[in-house]
PDB file of N, CA and C in Angstrom:
ATOM      1  N   MET A   1     -35.366  94.711  30.820  1.00  0.00           N
ATOM      2  CA  MET A   1     -34.559  93.632  31.347  1.00  0.00           C
ATOM      3  C   MET A   1     -35.434  92.808  32.282  1.00  0.00           C
ATOM      4  N   THR A   2     -35.478  91.529  32.025  1.00  0.00           N
ATOM      5  CA  THR A   2     -36.299  90.653  32.853  1.00  0.00           C
ATOM      6  C   THR A   2     -35.572  90.331  34.154  1.00  0.00           C
ATOM      7  N   THR A   3     -36.294  89.778  35.074  1.00  0.00           N
ATOM      8  CA  THR A   3     -35.704  89.403  36.364  1.00  0.00           C
ATOM      9  C   THR A   3     -34.638  88.328  36.175  1.00  0.00           C
ATOM     10  N   GLU A   4     -34.907  87.390  35.286  1.00  0.00           N
ATOM     11  CA  GLU A   4     -33.947  86.319  35.036  1.00  0.00           C
ATOM     12  C   GLU A   4     -32.642  86.861  34.462  1.00  0.00           C
ATOM     13  N   SER A   5     -32.733  87.767  33.512  1.00  0.00           N
ATOM     14  CA  SER A   5     -31.514  88.331  32.920  1.00  0.00           C
ATOM     15  C   SER A   5     -30.770  89.203  33.923  1.00  0.00           C
ATOM     16  N   LEU A   6     -31.484  89.863  34.817  1.00  0.00           N
ATOM     17  CA  LEU A   6     -30.829  90.656  35.855  1.00  0.00           C
ATOM     18  C   LEU A   6     -30.062  89.767  36.830  1.00  0.00           C
ATOM     19  N   VAL A   7     -30.655  88.642  37.205  1.00  0.00           N
ATOM     20  CA  VAL A   7     -29.972  87.710  38.102  1.00  0.00           C
ATOM     21  C   VAL A   7     -28.731  87.130  37.424  1.00  0.00           C
ATOM     22  N   ILE A   8     -28.845  86.765  36.158  1.00  0.00           N
ATOM     23  CA  ILE A   8     -27.694  86.247  35.420  1.00  0.00           C
ATOM     24  C   ILE A   8     -26.607  87.302  35.324  1.00  0.00           C
ATOM     25  N   PHE A   9     -26.998  88.535  35.072  1.00  0.00           N
ATOM     26  CA  PHE A   9     -26.047  89.638  34.995  1.00  0.00           C
ATOM     27  C   PHE A   9     -25.299  89.815  36.310  1.00  0.00           C
ATOM     28  N   ILE A  10     -25.995  89.747  37.417  1.00  0.00           N
ATOM     29  CA  ILE A  10     -25.366  89.901  38.730  1.00  0.00           C
ATOM     30  C   ILE A  10     -24.448  88.722  39.029  1.00  0.00           C
ATOM     31  N   VAL A  11     -24.877  87.513  38.698  1.00  0.00           N
ATOM     32  CA  VAL A  11     -24.026  86.340  38.928  1.00  0.00           C
ATOM     33  C   VAL A  11     -22.757  86.417  38.085  1.00  0.00           C
ATOM     34  N   VAL A  12     -22.894  86.808  36.824  1.00  0.00           N
ATOM     35  CA  VAL A  12     -21.722  86.976  35.959  1.00  0.00           C
ATOM     36  C   VAL A  12     -20.801  88.037  36.535  1.00  0.00           C
ATOM     37  N   GLY A  13     -21.356  89.133  37.023  1.00  0.00           N
ATOM     38  CA  GLY A  13     -20.546  90.189  37.626  1.00  0.00           C
ATOM     39  C   GLY A  13     -19.817  89.733  38.875  1.00  0.00           C
ATOM     40  N   VAL A  14     -20.471  88.923  39.688  1.00  0.00           N
ATOM     41  CA  VAL A  14     -19.836  88.416  40.905  1.00  0.00           C
ATOM     42  C   VAL A  14     -18.681  87.482  40.555  1.00  0.00           C
ATOM     43  N   VAL A  15     -18.895  86.598  39.583  1.00  0.00           N
ATOM     44  CA  VAL A  15     -17.815  85.712  39.137  1.00  0.00           C
ATOM     45  C   VAL A  15     -16.662  86.530  38.568  1.00  0.00           C
ATOM     46  N   ALA A  16     -16.988  87.534  37.771  1.00  0.00           N
ATOM     47  CA  ALA A  16     -15.954  88.388  37.182  1.00  0.00           C
ATOM     48  C   ALA A  16     -15.201  89.156  38.263  1.00  0.00           C
ATOM     49  N   GLY A  17     -15.885  89.614  39.280  1.00  0.00           N
ATOM     50  CA  GLY A  17     -15.222  90.321  40.377  1.00  0.00           C
ATOM     51  C   GLY A  17     -14.259  89.425  41.118  1.00  0.00           C
ATOM     52  N   PHE A  18     -14.656  88.185  41.333  1.00  0.00           N
ATOM     53  CA  PHE A  18     -13.759  87.236  41.983  1.00  0.00           C
ATOM     54  C   PHE A  18     -12.530  86.983  41.119  1.00  0.00           C
ATOM     55  N   LEU A  19     -12.747  86.740  39.831  1.00  0.00           N
ATOM     56  CA  LEU A  19     -11.626  86.488  38.927  1.00  0.00           C
ATOM     57  C   LEU A  19     -10.711  87.710  38.816  1.00  0.00           C
ATOM     58  N   ALA A  20     -11.292  88.895  38.778  1.00  0.00           N
ATOM     59  CA  ALA A  20     -10.484  90.111  38.706  1.00  0.00           C
ATOM     60  C   ALA A  20      -9.656  90.287  39.966  1.00  0.00           C
ATOM     61  N   GLY A  21     -10.216  89.937  41.108  1.00  0.00           N
ATOM     62  CA  GLY A  21      -9.457  90.015  42.356  1.00  0.00           C
ATOM     63  C   GLY A  21      -8.282  89.060  42.364  1.00  0.00           C
ATOM     64  N   VAL A  22      -8.439  87.906  41.723  1.00  0.00           N
ATOM     65  CA  VAL A  22      -7.344  86.945  41.615  1.00  0.00           C
ATOM     66  C   VAL A  22      -6.273  87.464  40.650  1.00  0.00           C
ATOM     67  N   VAL A  23      -6.711  88.051  39.539  1.00  0.00           N
ATOM     68  CA  VAL A  23      -5.779  88.541  38.524  1.00  0.00           C
ATOM     69  C   VAL A  23      -5.008  89.758  39.020  1.00  0.00           C
ATOM     70  N   VAL A  24      -5.692  90.679  39.658  1.00  0.00           N
ATOM     71  CA  VAL A  24      -5.091  91.947  40.058  1.00  0.00           C
ATOM     72  C   VAL A  24      -4.821  91.910  41.557  1.00  0.00           C
ATOM     73  N   ARG A  25      -3.767  91.275  41.927  1.00  0.00           N
ATOM     74  CA  ARG A  25      -3.392  91.214  43.348  1.00  0.00           C
ATOM     75  C   ARG A  25      -2.765  92.537  43.766  1.00  0.00           C
ATOM     76  N   GLY A  26      -3.092  92.985  44.960  1.00  0.00           N
ATOM     77  CA  GLY A  26      -2.518  94.222  45.476  1.00  0.00           C
ATOM     78  C   GLY A  26      -3.380  95.442  45.237  1.00  0.00           C
ATOM     79  N   TYR A  27      -4.265  95.389  44.247  1.00  0.00           N
ATOM     80  CA  TYR A  27      -5.150  96.513  43.971  1.00  0.00           C
ATOM     81  C   TYR A  27      -6.578  96.211  44.394  1.00  0.00           C
ATOM     82  N   GLY A  28      -6.803  95.056  44.975  1.00  0.00           N
ATOM     83  CA  GLY A  28      -8.151  94.631  45.310  1.00  0.00           C
ATOM     84  C   GLY A  28      -8.766  95.414  46.444  1.00  0.00           C
ATOM     85  N   LEU A  29     -10.053  95.228  46.600  1.00  0.00           N
ATOM     86  CA  LEU A  29     -10.816  95.926  47.631  1.00  0.00           C
ATOM     87  C   LEU A  29     -11.395  94.958  48.653  1.00  0.00           C
ATOM     88  N   GLY A  30     -10.867  93.759  48.718  1.00  0.00           N
ATOM     89  CA  GLY A  30     -11.448  92.736  49.575  1.00  0.00           C
ATOM     90  C   GLY A  30     -12.504  91.977  48.805  1.00  0.00           C
ATOM     91  N   LEU A  31     -12.993  90.919  49.383  1.00  0.00           N
ATOM     92  CA  LEU A  31     -13.920  90.042  48.671  1.00  0.00           C
ATOM     93  C   LEU A  31     -15.201  90.762  48.264  1.00  0.00           C
ATOM     94  N   VAL A  32     -15.856  91.419  49.186  1.00  0.00           N
ATOM     95  CA  VAL A  32     -17.122  92.089  48.878  1.00  0.00           C
ATOM     96  C   VAL A  32     -16.895  93.244  47.904  1.00  0.00           C
ATOM     97  N   GLY A  33     -15.839  94.016  48.116  1.00  0.00           N
ATOM     98  CA  GLY A  33     -15.533  95.124  47.210  1.00  0.00           C
ATOM     99  C   GLY A  33     -15.246  94.642  45.805  1.00  0.00           C
ATOM    100  N   ASN A  34     -14.494  93.549  45.688  1.00  0.00           N
ATOM    101  CA  ASN A  34     -14.197  92.997  44.364  1.00  0.00           C
ATOM    102  C   ASN A  34     -15.460  92.497  43.663  1.00  0.00           C
ATOM    103  N   LEU A  35     -16.372  91.924  44.433  1.00  0.00           N
ATOM    104  CA  LEU A  35     -17.615  91.441  43.836  1.00  0.00           C
ATOM    105  C   LEU A  35     -18.463  92.602  43.333  1.00  0.00           C
ATOM    106  N   VAL A  36     -18.512  93.682  44.091  1.00  0.00           N
ATOM    107  CA  VAL A  36     -19.250  94.871  43.646  1.00  0.00           C
ATOM    108  C   VAL A  36     -18.583  95.471  42.413  1.00  0.00           C
ATOM    109  N   VAL A  37     -17.251  95.548  42.427  1.00  0.00           N
ATOM    110  CA  VAL A  37     -16.527  96.056  41.267  1.00  0.00           C
ATOM    111  C   VAL A  37     -16.773  95.151  40.058  1.00  0.00           C
ATOM    112  N   GLY A  38     -16.917  93.856  40.287  1.00  0.00           N
ATOM    113  CA  GLY A  38     -17.216  92.936  39.201  1.00  0.00           C
ATOM    114  C   GLY A  38     -18.548  93.223  38.546  1.00  0.00           C
ATOM    115  N   VAL A  39     -19.553  93.526  39.344  1.00  0.00           N
ATOM    116  CA  VAL A  39     -20.872  93.838  38.790  1.00  0.00           C
ATOM    117  C   VAL A  39     -20.808  95.153  38.005  1.00  0.00           C
ATOM    118  N   VAL A  40     -20.150  96.159  38.566  1.00  0.00           N
ATOM    119  CA  VAL A  40     -20.005  97.440  37.865  1.00  0.00           C
ATOM    120  C   VAL A  40     -19.144  97.261  36.616  1.00  0.00           C
ATOM    121  N   GLY A  41     -18.069  96.496  36.736  1.00  0.00           N
ATOM    122  CA  GLY A  41     -17.206  96.230  35.591  1.00  0.00           C
ATOM    123  C   GLY A  41     -17.926  95.470  34.496  1.00  0.00           C
ATOM    124  N   ALA A  42     -18.817  94.561  34.871  1.00  0.00           N
ATOM    125  CA  ALA A  42     -19.617  93.829  33.882  1.00  0.00           C
ATOM    126  C   ALA A  42     -20.512  94.790  33.114  1.00  0.00           C
ATOM    127  N   PHE A  43     -21.119  95.713  33.819  1.00  0.00           N
ATOM    128  CA  PHE A  43     -21.961  96.707  33.154  1.00  0.00           C
ATOM    129  C   PHE A  43     -21.131  97.572  32.210  1.00  0.00           C
ATOM    130  N   LEU A  44     -19.989  98.079  32.701  1.00  0.00           N
ATOM    131  CA  LEU A  44     -19.153  98.944  31.876  1.00  0.00           C
ATOM    132  C   LEU A  44     -18.602  98.213  30.656  1.00  0.00           C
ATOM    133  N   ALA A  45     -18.122  97.001  30.846  1.00  0.00           N
ATOM    134  CA  ALA A  45     -17.557  96.247  29.727  1.00  0.00           C
ATOM    135  C   ALA A  45     -18.632  95.870  28.717  1.00  0.00           C
ATOM    136  N   GLY A  46     -19.796  95.487  29.200  1.00  0.00           N
ATOM    137  CA  GLY A  46     -20.887  95.153  28.292  1.00  0.00           C
ATOM    138  C   GLY A  46     -21.339  96.332  27.469  1.00  0.00           C
ATOM    139  N   TRP A  47     -21.194  97.508  28.006  1.00  0.00           N
ATOM    140  CA  TRP A  47     -21.584  98.713  27.283  1.00  0.00           C
ATOM    141  C   TRP A  47     -20.445  99.256  26.425  1.00  0.00           C
ATOM    142  N   LEU A  48     -19.208  99.247  26.958  1.00  0.00           N
ATOM    143  CA  LEU A  48     -18.094  99.924  26.304  1.00  0.00           C
ATOM    144  C   LEU A  48     -17.375  99.083  25.259  1.00  0.00           C
ATOM    145  N   LEU A  49     -17.108  97.825  25.541  1.00  0.00           N
ATOM    146  CA  LEU A  49     -16.309  97.015  24.614  1.00  0.00           C
ATOM    147  C   LEU A  49     -16.915  96.919  23.210  1.00  0.00           C
ATOM    148  N   PRO A  50     -18.201  96.668  23.052  1.00  0.00           N
ATOM    149  CA  PRO A  50     -18.744  96.640  21.690  1.00  0.00           C
ATOM    150  C   PRO A  50     -18.657  97.997  20.976  1.00  0.00           C
ATOM    151  N   ARG A  51     -18.701  99.078  21.726  1.00  0.00           N
ATOM    152  CA  ARG A  51     -18.637 100.410  21.119  1.00  0.00           C
ATOM    153  C   ARG A  51     -17.240 100.764  20.613  1.00  0.00           C
ATOM    154  N   VAL A  52     -16.208 100.161  21.198  1.00  0.00           N
ATOM    155  CA  VAL A  52     -14.845 100.429  20.729  1.00  0.00           C
ATOM    156  C   VAL A  52     -14.379  99.368  19.744  1.00  0.00           C
ATOM    157  N   GLY A  53     -15.276  98.474  19.358  1.00  0.00           N
ATOM    158  CA  GLY A  53     -14.964  97.505  18.330  1.00  0.00           C
ATOM    159  C   GLY A  53     -14.392  96.194  18.822  1.00  0.00           C
ATOM    160  N   VAL A  54     -14.440  95.948  20.121  1.00  0.00           N
ATOM    161  CA  VAL A  54     -13.953  94.679  20.656  1.00  0.00           C
ATOM    162  C   VAL A  54     -15.148  93.729  20.720  1.00  0.00           C
ATOM    163  N   ALA A  55     -15.148  92.771  19.827  1.00  0.00           N
ATOM    164  CA  ALA A  55     -16.232  91.797  19.804  1.00  0.00           C
ATOM    165  C   ALA A  55     -15.640  90.426  19.524  1.00  0.00           C
ATOM    166  N   PHE A  56     -15.899  89.513  20.408  1.00  0.00           N
ATOM    167  CA  PHE A  56     -15.421  88.149  20.235  1.00  0.00           C
ATOM    168  C   PHE A  56     -16.366  87.209  20.951  1.00  0.00           C
ATOM    169  N   THR A  57     -16.297  85.960  20.589  1.00  0.00           N
ATOM    170  CA  THR A  57     -17.075  84.949  21.283  1.00  0.00           C
ATOM    171  C   THR A  57     -16.141  83.821  21.708  1.00  0.00           C
ATOM    172  N   VAL A  58     -16.398  83.333  22.870  1.00  0.00           N
ATOM    173  CA  VAL A  58     -15.661  82.194  23.391  1.00  0.00           C
ATOM    174  C   VAL A  58     -16.644  81.019  23.326  1.00  0.00           C
ATOM    175  N   VAL A  59     -16.433  79.982  24.026  1.00  0.00           N
ATOM    176  CA  VAL A  59     -17.174  78.722  23.920  1.00  0.00           C
ATOM    177  C   VAL A  59     -18.692  78.915  23.791  1.00  0.00           C
ATOM    178  N   ASN A  60     -19.280  79.658  24.698  1.00  0.00           N
ATOM    179  CA  ASN A  60     -20.718  79.921  24.631  1.00  0.00           C
ATOM    180  C   ASN A  60     -20.989  81.330  25.160  1.00  0.00           C
ATOM    181  N   PRO A  61     -22.210  81.820  25.022  1.00  0.00           N
ATOM    182  CA  PRO A  61     -22.497  83.202  25.434  1.00  0.00           C
ATOM    183  C   PRO A  61     -22.234  83.497  26.911  1.00  0.00           C
ATOM    184  N   LEU A  62     -22.456  82.529  27.785  1.00  0.00           N
ATOM    185  CA  LEU A  62     -22.213  82.769  29.202  1.00  0.00           C
ATOM    186  C   LEU A  62     -20.728  82.952  29.485  1.00  0.00           C
ATOM    187  N   VAL A  63     -19.895  82.123  28.898  1.00  0.00           N
ATOM    188  CA  VAL A  63     -18.447  82.252  29.077  1.00  0.00           C
ATOM    189  C   VAL A  63     -17.969  83.566  28.470  1.00  0.00           C
ATOM    190  N   THR A  64     -18.512  83.934  27.322  1.00  0.00           N
ATOM    191  CA  THR A  64     -18.161  85.208  26.705  1.00  0.00           C
ATOM    192  C   THR A  64     -18.527  86.377  27.616  1.00  0.00           C
ATOM    193  N   ALA A  65     -19.700  86.319  28.233  1.00  0.00           N
ATOM    194  CA  ALA A  65     -20.118  87.373  29.161  1.00  0.00           C
ATOM    195  C   ALA A  65     -19.185  87.442  30.365  1.00  0.00           C
ATOM    196  N   ILE A  66     -18.750  86.296  30.873  1.00  0.00           N
ATOM    197  CA  ILE A  66     -17.824  86.284  32.009  1.00  0.00           C
ATOM    198  C   ILE A  66     -16.485  86.879  31.612  1.00  0.00           C
ATOM    199  N   VAL A  67     -16.001  86.573  30.406  1.00  0.00           N
ATOM    200  CA  VAL A  67     -14.726  87.136  29.939  1.00  0.00           C
ATOM    201  C   VAL A  67     -14.852  88.649  29.776  1.00  0.00           C
ATOM    202  N   TYR A  68     -15.926  89.119  29.142  1.00  0.00           N
ATOM    203  CA  TYR A  68     -16.152  90.560  29.002  1.00  0.00           C
ATOM    204  C   TYR A  68     -16.185  91.232  30.379  1.00  0.00           C
ATOM    205  N   ALA A  69     -16.949  90.666  31.289  1.00  0.00           N
ATOM    206  CA  ALA A  69     -17.102  91.257  32.620  1.00  0.00           C
ATOM    207  C   ALA A  69     -15.786  91.247  33.383  1.00  0.00           C
ATOM    208  N   THR A  70     -14.999  90.190  33.226  1.00  0.00           N
ATOM    209  CA  THR A  70     -13.708  90.125  33.900  1.00  0.00           C
ATOM    210  C   THR A  70     -12.774  91.195  33.368  1.00  0.00           C
ATOM    211  N   ILE A  71     -12.772  91.410  32.071  1.00  0.00           N
ATOM    212  CA  ILE A  71     -11.954  92.484  31.489  1.00  0.00           C
ATOM    213  C   ILE A  71     -12.368  93.833  32.076  1.00  0.00           C
ATOM    214  N   GLY A  72     -13.664  94.088  32.129  1.00  0.00           N
ATOM    215  CA  GLY A  72     -14.148  95.338  32.705  1.00  0.00           C
ATOM    216  C   GLY A  72     -13.794  95.478  34.168  1.00  0.00           C
ATOM    217  N   ALA A  73     -13.904  94.396  34.931  1.00  0.00           N
ATOM    218  CA  ALA A  73     -13.601  94.454  36.356  1.00  0.00           C
ATOM    219  C   ALA A  73     -12.111  94.642  36.601  1.00  0.00           C
ATOM    220  N   VAL A  74     -11.267  94.007  35.793  1.00  0.00           N
ATOM    221  CA  VAL A  74      -9.814  94.185  35.946  1.00  0.00           C
ATOM    222  C   VAL A  74      -9.436  95.635  35.662  1.00  0.00           C
ATOM    223  N   VAL A  75      -9.960  96.192  34.586  1.00  0.00           N
ATOM    224  CA  VAL A  75      -9.660  97.591  34.262  1.00  0.00           C
ATOM    225  C   VAL A  75     -10.156  98.511  35.370  1.00  0.00           C
ATOM    226  N   LEU A  76     -11.341  98.262  35.859  1.00  0.00           N
ATOM    227  CA  LEU A  76     -11.894  99.094  36.931  1.00  0.00           C
ATOM    228  C   LEU A  76     -11.085  98.961  38.216  1.00  0.00           C
ATOM    229  N   LEU A  77     -10.662  97.745  38.565  1.00  0.00           N
ATOM    230  CA  LEU A  77      -9.831  97.569  39.760  1.00  0.00           C
ATOM    231  C   LEU A  77      -8.489  98.275  39.612  1.00  0.00           C
ATOM    232  N   LEU A  78      -7.899  98.211  38.434  1.00  0.00           N
ATOM    233  CA  LEU A  78      -6.631  98.913  38.211  1.00  0.00           C
ATOM    234  C   LEU A  78      -6.807 100.424  38.348  1.00  0.00           C
ATOM    235  N   LEU A  79      -7.879 100.954  37.782  1.00  0.00           N
ATOM    236  CA  LEU A  79      -8.134 102.394  37.904  1.00  0.00           C
ATOM    237  C   LEU A  79      -8.387 102.803  39.354  1.00  0.00           C
ATOM    238  N   ILE A  80      -9.169 102.020  40.060  1.00  0.00           N
ATOM    239  CA  ILE A  80      -9.429 102.321  41.473  1.00  0.00           C
ATOM    240  C   ILE A  80      -8.136 102.221  42.275  1.00  0.00           C
ATOM    241  N   GLY A  81      -7.326 101.210  41.990  1.00  0.00           N
ATOM    242  CA  GLY A  81      -6.048 101.056  42.684  1.00  0.00           C
ATOM    243  C   GLY A  81      -5.110 102.211  42.436  1.00  0.00           C
ATOM    244  N   LEU A  82      -5.082 102.714  41.212  1.00  0.00           N
ATOM    245  CA  LEU A  82      -4.231 103.861  40.904  1.00  0.00           C
ATOM    246  C   LEU A  82      -4.703 105.113  41.615  1.00  0.00           C
ATOM    247  N   VAL A  83      -5.999 105.312  41.664  1.00  0.00           N
ATOM    248  CA  VAL A  83      -6.535 106.486  42.351  1.00  0.00           C
ATOM    249  C   VAL A  83      -6.284 106.386  43.860  1.00  0.00           C
ATOM    250  N   ARG A  84      -6.477 105.211  44.417  1.00  0.00           N
ATOM    251  CA  ARG A  84      -6.259 105.031  45.866  1.00  0.00           C
ATOM    252  C   ARG A  84      -4.803 105.222  46.237  1.00  0.00           C
ATOM    253  N   ARG A  85      -3.892 104.782  45.400  1.00  0.00           N
ATOM    254  CA  ARG A  85      -2.469 104.906  45.703  1.00  0.00           C
ATOM    255  C   ARG A  85      -1.951 106.333  45.529  1.00  0.00           C
ATOM    256  N   SER A  86      -2.585 107.098  44.658  1.00  0.00           N
ATOM    257  CA  SER A  86      -2.116 108.465  44.419  1.00  0.00           C
ATOM    258  C   SER A  86      -2.607 109.440  45.474  1.00  0.00           C
ATOM    259  N   THR A  87      -3.617 109.081  46.247  1.00  0.00           N
ATOM    260  CA  THR A  87      -4.131 110.003  47.264  1.00  0.00           C
ATOM    261  C   THR A  87      -3.542 109.712  48.610  1.00  0.00           C
TER     262      THR A  87
END
């Protein structure tokens, strides 16, 4: 992974974390926490979604990456929210 692709990956994750925080109100971790969850969610979604057969493209590859990462971040925020509420 080149430095440029790593920076793009982190930026996509940060955008996805922000969007996930907007979508999932009440389960968020604050701005910084949501951004970190976005980066982790981007990694998980980029790895997991193609393996389960979810493959789609939106307008361009960057928008598609943001949508994938947002899906991963929303799922991760929901899981974290469920674990936090049960303890």
